[in-house]
C-alpha atoms as a PDB file:
ATOM      1  CA  MET A   1       0.000   0.000   0.000  1.00  0.00           C
ATOM      2  CA  SER A   2       2.883   2.377   0.637  1.00  0.00           C
ATOM      3  CA  ASP A   3       4.002   2.002  -2.989  1.00  0.00           C
ATOM      4  CA  LEU A   4       0.616   3.250  -4.147  1.00  0.00           C
ATOM      5  CA  GLY A   5       0.939   6.246  -1.839  1.00  0.00           C
ATOM      6  CA  ARG A   6       4.330   7.112  -3.273  1.00  0.00           C
ATOM      7  CA  VAL A   7       3.011   6.865  -6.816  1.00  0.00           C
ATOM      8  CA  LEU A   8       0.081   9.150  -5.996  1.00  0.00           C
ATOM      9  CA  ILE A   9       2.366  11.704  -4.331  1.00  0.00           C
ATOM     10  CA  GLY A  10       4.696  11.591  -7.350  1.00  0.00           C
ATOM     11  CA  LEU A  11       1.810  12.127  -9.758  1.00  0.00           C
ATOM     12  CA  GLY A  12       0.548  15.020  -7.643  1.00  0.00           C
ATOM     13  CA  LEU A  13       3.960  16.687  -7.685  1.00  0.00           C
ATOM     14  CA  LEU A  14       4.176  16.158 -11.428  1.00  0.00           C
ATOM     15  CA  LEU A  15       0.802  17.872 -11.868  1.00  0.00           C
ATOM     16  CA  VAL A  16       1.985  20.830  -9.795  1.00  0.00           C
ATOM     17  CA  VAL A  17       5.135  21.186 -11.902  1.00  0.00           C
ATOM     18  CA  VAL A  18       3.211  20.926 -15.181  1.00  0.00           C
ATOM     19  CA  GLY A  19       0.702  23.504 -13.937  1.00  0.00           C
ATOM     20  CA  ALA A  20       3.501  25.908 -13.001  1.00  0.00           C
ATOM     21  CA  VAL A  21       5.140  25.485 -16.407  1.00  0.00           C
ATOM     22  CA  VAL A  22       1.849  26.182 -18.178  1.00  0.00           C
ATOM     23  CA  MET A  23       1.276  29.305 -16.083  1.00  0.00           C
ATOM     24  CA  LEU A  24       4.796  30.576 -16.777  1.00  0.00           C
ATOM     25  CA  ALA A  25       4.457  29.822 -20.491  1.00  0.00           C
ATOM     26  CA  GLY A  26       1.330  31.984 -20.580  1.00  0.00           C
ATOM     27  CA  LYS A  27       3.152  34.912 -18.979  1.00  0.00           C
ATOM     28  CA  THR A  28       6.171  34.702 -21.299  1.00  0.00           C
ATOM     29  CA  GLY A  29       4.088  35.214 -24.425  1.00  0.00           C
ATOM     30  CA  LEU A  30       4.448  31.722 -25.901  1.00  0.00           C
ATOM     31  CA  PRO A  31       1.491  31.196 -28.215  1.00  0.00           C
ATOM     32  CA  LEU A  32       0.581  27.750 -26.841  1.00  0.00           C
ATOM     33  CA  GLY A  33      -3.076  27.216 -27.558  1.00  0.00           C
ATOM     34  CA  ARG A  34      -3.111  29.801 -30.351  1.00  0.00           C
ATOM     35  CA  LEU A  35      -0.872  28.107 -32.907  1.00  0.00           C
ATOM     36  CA  PRO A  36      -1.917  27.711 -36.540  1.00  0.00           C
ATOM     37  CA  GLY A  37      -3.641  24.356 -36.546  1.00  0.00           C
ATOM     38  CA  ASP A  38      -5.474  24.866 -33.251  1.00  0.00           C
ATOM     39  CA  PHE A  39      -9.155  24.721 -34.127  1.00  0.00           C
ATOM     40  CA  THR A  40     -11.923  26.767 -32.551  1.00  0.00           C
ATOM     41  CA  TRP A  41     -15.569  26.485 -33.493  1.00  0.00           C
ATOM     42  CA  ARG A  42     -18.045  28.926 -32.003  1.00  0.00           C
ATOM     43  CA  GLY A  43     -21.736  28.181 -32.211  1.00  0.00           C
ATOM     44  CA  ARG A  44     -24.600  30.175 -30.796  1.00  0.00           C
ATOM     45  CA  HIS A  45     -24.306  28.857 -27.266  1.00  0.00           C
ATOM     46  CA  THR A  46     -21.235  26.615 -27.352  1.00  0.00           C
ATOM     47  CA  THR A  47     -17.566  26.840 -28.128  1.00  0.00           C
ATOM     48  CA  VAL A  48     -15.501  23.811 -29.100  1.00  0.00           C
ATOM     49  CA  TYR A  49     -11.745  24.137 -28.893  1.00  0.00           C
ATOM     50  CA  PHE A  50      -9.294  21.521 -30.184  1.00  0.00           C
ATOM     51  CA  PRO A  51      -5.583  22.414 -29.798  1.00  0.00           C
ATOM     52  CA  LEU A  52      -4.215  20.000 -32.414  1.00  0.00           C
ATOM     53  CA  ALA A  53      -0.961  21.829 -33.225  1.00  0.00           C
ATOM     54  CA  THR A  54      -0.221  22.530 -29.555  1.00  0.00           C
ATOM     55  CA  SER A  55      -0.800  18.855 -28.698  1.00  0.00           C
ATOM     56  CA  ILE A  56       1.566  17.711 -31.441  1.00  0.00           C
ATOM     57  CA  LEU A  57       4.234  20.205 -30.354  1.00  0.00           C
ATOM     58  CA  ILE A  58       4.024  19.137 -26.698  1.00  0.00           C
ATOM     59  CA  SER A  59       4.146  15.478 -27.730  1.00  0.00           C
ATOM     60  CA  VAL A  60       7.289  16.010 -29.797  1.00  0.00           C
ATOM     61  CA  VAL A  61       9.013  17.979 -27.017  1.00  0.00           C
ATOM     62  CA  LEU A  62       8.149  15.391 -24.360  1.00  0.00           C
ATOM     63  CA  SER A  63       9.198  12.507 -26.611  1.00  0.00           C
ATOM     64  CA  LEU A  64      12.533  14.177 -27.277  1.00  0.00           C
ATOM     65  CA  ALA A  65      13.083  14.905 -23.574  1.00  0.00           C
ATOM     66  CA  LEU A  66      12.280  11.325 -22.559  1.00  0.00           C
ATOM     67  CA  TRP A  67      14.502   9.941 -25.330  1.00  0.00           C
ATOM     68  CA  LEU A  68      17.376  12.117 -24.112  1.00  0.00           C
ATOM     69  CA  MET A  69      16.841  11.029 -20.489  1.00  0.00           C
ATOM     70  CA  ARG A  70      16.967   7.337 -21.462  1.00  0.00           C
ATOM     71  CA  ARG A  71      20.236   7.851 -23.306  1.00  0.00           C
END
């Protein structure tokens, strides 16, 4: 049971770090979420937002970082 607790604490800390990075990225002027390829559809009463280009960029950066850490 203590292993599960450690995993949950680790995931919580990871969420805090990711949240801080996202907040800092917003203040530095990085256009995450507003890249060409991020789709927004606005209806009368709904808005659908799909950040396709941002998702691909984050995936590539994380894949590269994990590949470098394994090496």
